[in-house]
Amino acid sequence: MREAIRKKGTPYAELGLDDRMLSDDQLIDAMLVEHSILINRPFVDTPNGARLCRPSELVIDLLPPQQGPFSKEDGKVVIDESGKRVR
């Protein structure tokens, strides 16, 4: 649950959400009910599963196999010419 919380630019610290004694339910209440800015994004849901896709190339694991090369918007190669994931 904690990896789904966005910390930078949010009231995370001010709300005391770094307290390890807080339950998942308490964290969810803070994220969904009171401060939606705390939700780390993007979450992706496909027939192959759901996950937090940060960094964005993690979405590749949820998609059908890629045919050919693929690069992120910044030019970083994620899939090479043979369709293999670049790590």
C-alpha atoms as a PDB file:
ATOM      1  CA  MET A   1       0.000   0.000   0.000  1.00  0.00           C
ATOM      2  CA  ARG A   2       2.709   2.471   0.922  1.00  0.00           C
ATOM      3  CA  GLU A   3       4.259   2.362  -2.558  1.00  0.00           C
ATOM      4  CA  ALA A   4       0.964   3.749  -3.894  1.00  0.00           C
ATOM      5  CA  ILE A   5       1.362   6.952  -1.858  1.00  0.00           C
ATOM      6  CA  ARG A   6       2.804  10.014  -3.527  1.00  0.00           C
ATOM      7  CA  LYS A   7       5.017  11.902  -1.098  1.00  0.00           C
ATOM      8  CA  LYS A   8       6.573  14.828  -2.978  1.00  0.00           C
ATOM      9  CA  GLY A   9       4.379  17.877  -3.398  1.00  0.00           C
ATOM     10  CA  THR A  10       1.660  16.516  -1.111  1.00  0.00           C
ATOM     11  CA  PRO A  11       0.632  16.877   2.558  1.00  0.00           C
ATOM     12  CA  TYR A  12       2.072  13.384   3.246  1.00  0.00           C
ATOM     13  CA  ALA A  13       4.468  14.460   6.007  1.00  0.00           C
ATOM     14  CA  GLU A  14       2.148  17.071   7.515  1.00  0.00           C
ATOM     15  CA  LEU A  15      -0.581  14.443   7.886  1.00  0.00           C
ATOM     16  CA  GLY A  16       1.805  12.045   9.646  1.00  0.00           C
ATOM     17  CA  LEU A  17       1.279   9.353   7.025  1.00  0.00           C
ATOM     18  CA  ASP A  18       4.848   8.141   7.464  1.00  0.00           C
ATOM     19  CA  ASP A  19       3.733   6.581  10.774  1.00  0.00           C
ATOM     20  CA  ARG A  20       4.281   2.821  10.306  1.00  0.00           C
ATOM     21  CA  MET A  21       1.490   2.128  12.816  1.00  0.00           C
ATOM     22  CA  LEU A  22      -1.187   3.416  10.400  1.00  0.00           C
ATOM     23  CA  SER A  23      -3.281   0.649   8.877  1.00  0.00           C
ATOM     24  CA  ASP A  24      -3.913   0.231   5.161  1.00  0.00           C
ATOM     25  CA  ASP A  25      -7.506   1.331   5.783  1.00  0.00           C
ATOM     26  CA  GLN A  26      -6.314   4.565   7.378  1.00  0.00           C
ATOM     27  CA  LEU A  27      -3.962   5.229   4.465  1.00  0.00           C
ATOM     28  CA  ILE A  28      -6.706   4.534   1.932  1.00  0.00           C
ATOM     29  CA  ASP A  29      -9.057   6.917   3.748  1.00  0.00           C
ATOM     30  CA  ALA A  30      -6.425   9.650   3.582  1.00  0.00           C
ATOM     31  CA  MET A  31      -5.740   8.970  -0.100  1.00  0.00           C
ATOM     32  CA  LEU A  32      -9.234   8.457  -1.459  1.00  0.00           C
ATOM     33  CA  VAL A  33     -11.470  10.435   0.822  1.00  0.00           C
ATOM     34  CA  GLU A  34      -9.463  13.414   1.996  1.00  0.00           C
ATOM     35  CA  HIS A  35      -6.462  14.004  -0.273  1.00  0.00           C
ATOM     36  CA  SER A  36      -6.582  12.371  -3.708  1.00  0.00           C
ATOM     37  CA  ILE A  37      -3.296  14.113  -4.589  1.00  0.00           C
ATOM     38  CA  LEU A  38      -1.656  11.423  -2.417  1.00  0.00           C
ATOM     39  CA  ILE A  39      -2.447   8.700  -4.974  1.00  0.00           C
ATOM     40  CA  ASN A  40       0.647   7.801  -6.963  1.00  0.00           C
ATOM     41  CA  ARG A  41      -0.175   7.384 -10.652  1.00  0.00           C
ATOM     42  CA  PRO A  42      -0.635   5.787 -13.109  1.00  0.00           C
ATOM     43  CA  PHE A  43      -2.356   2.572 -12.123  1.00  0.00           C
ATOM     44  CA  VAL A  44      -2.977   0.380 -15.155  1.00  0.00           C
ATOM     45  CA  ASP A  45      -5.515  -2.449 -15.288  1.00  0.00           C
ATOM     46  CA  THR A  46      -5.472  -4.942 -18.195  1.00  0.00           C
ATOM     47  CA  PRO A  47      -6.583  -8.550 -18.674  1.00  0.00           C
ATOM     48  CA  ASN A  48      -2.973  -9.450 -17.792  1.00  0.00           C
ATOM     49  CA  GLY A  49      -3.139  -7.778 -14.381  1.00  0.00           C
ATOM     50  CA  ALA A  50      -3.100  -4.436 -12.592  1.00  0.00           C
ATOM     51  CA  ARG A  51      -0.219  -2.470 -11.144  1.00  0.00           C
ATOM     52  CA  LEU A  52       1.264   0.891 -10.372  1.00  0.00           C
ATOM     53  CA  CYS A  53       3.280   1.716 -13.487  1.00  0.00           C
ATOM     54  CA  ARG A  54       6.056   3.920 -12.154  1.00  0.00           C
ATOM     55  CA  PRO A  55       8.341   4.108 -13.982  1.00  0.00           C
ATOM     56  CA  SER A  56       6.050   4.166 -16.989  1.00  0.00           C
ATOM     57  CA  GLU A  57       7.826   1.355 -18.857  1.00  0.00           C
ATOM     58  CA  LEU A  58       6.429  -1.121 -16.303  1.00  0.00           C
ATOM     59  CA  VAL A  59       3.232  -1.019 -18.350  1.00  0.00           C
ATOM     60  CA  ILE A  60       5.026  -3.181 -20.952  1.00  0.00           C
ATOM     61  CA  ASP A  61       4.700  -6.161 -18.583  1.00  0.00           C
ATOM     62  CA  LEU A  62       0.895  -5.870 -18.743  1.00  0.00           C
ATOM     63  CA  LEU A  63       0.588  -5.554 -22.529  1.00  0.00           C
ATOM     64  CA  PRO A  64       0.672  -8.205 -25.248  1.00  0.00           C
ATOM     65  CA  PRO A  65       4.176  -8.885 -26.621  1.00  0.00           C
ATOM     66  CA  GLN A  66       5.574  -5.943 -28.583  1.00  0.00           C
ATOM     67  CA  GLN A  67       6.444  -6.502 -32.236  1.00  0.00           C
ATOM     68  CA  GLY A  68       9.501  -4.430 -33.094  1.00  0.00           C
ATOM     69  CA  PRO A  69      11.215  -1.553 -31.316  1.00  0.00           C
ATOM     70  CA  PHE A  70       9.551   0.828 -28.879  1.00  0.00           C
ATOM     71  CA  SER A  71      10.912   3.964 -27.204  1.00  0.00           C
ATOM     72  CA  LYS A  72       9.523   6.201 -24.488  1.00  0.00           C
ATOM     73  CA  GLU A  73       8.619   9.811 -25.239  1.00  0.00           C
ATOM     74  CA  ASP A  74      12.077  10.886 -24.044  1.00  0.00           C
ATOM     75  CA  GLY A  75      13.757   8.588 -26.598  1.00  0.00           C
ATOM     76  CA  LYS A  76      14.809   5.894 -24.107  1.00  0.00           C
ATOM     77  CA  VAL A  77      14.596   2.498 -25.836  1.00  0.00           C
ATOM     78  CA  VAL A  78      12.331   0.098 -23.933  1.00  0.00           C
ATOM     79  CA  ILE A  79      11.927  -2.692 -26.550  1.00  0.00           C
ATOM     80  CA  ASP A  80      14.729  -3.441 -29.014  1.00  0.00           C
ATOM     81  CA  GLU A  81      14.436  -4.294 -32.737  1.00  0.00           C
ATOM     82  CA  SER A  82      13.913  -7.996 -31.971  1.00  0.00           C
ATOM     83  CA  GLY A  83      11.013  -7.280 -29.596  1.00  0.00           C
ATOM     84  CA  LYS A  84      13.040  -7.939 -26.429  1.00  0.00           C
ATOM     85  CA  ARG A  85      12.770  -5.757 -23.333  1.00  0.00           C
ATOM     86  CA  VAL A  86      15.807  -3.546 -22.660  1.00  0.00           C
ATOM     87  CA  ARG A  87      16.635  -3.346 -18.962  1.00  0.00           C
END
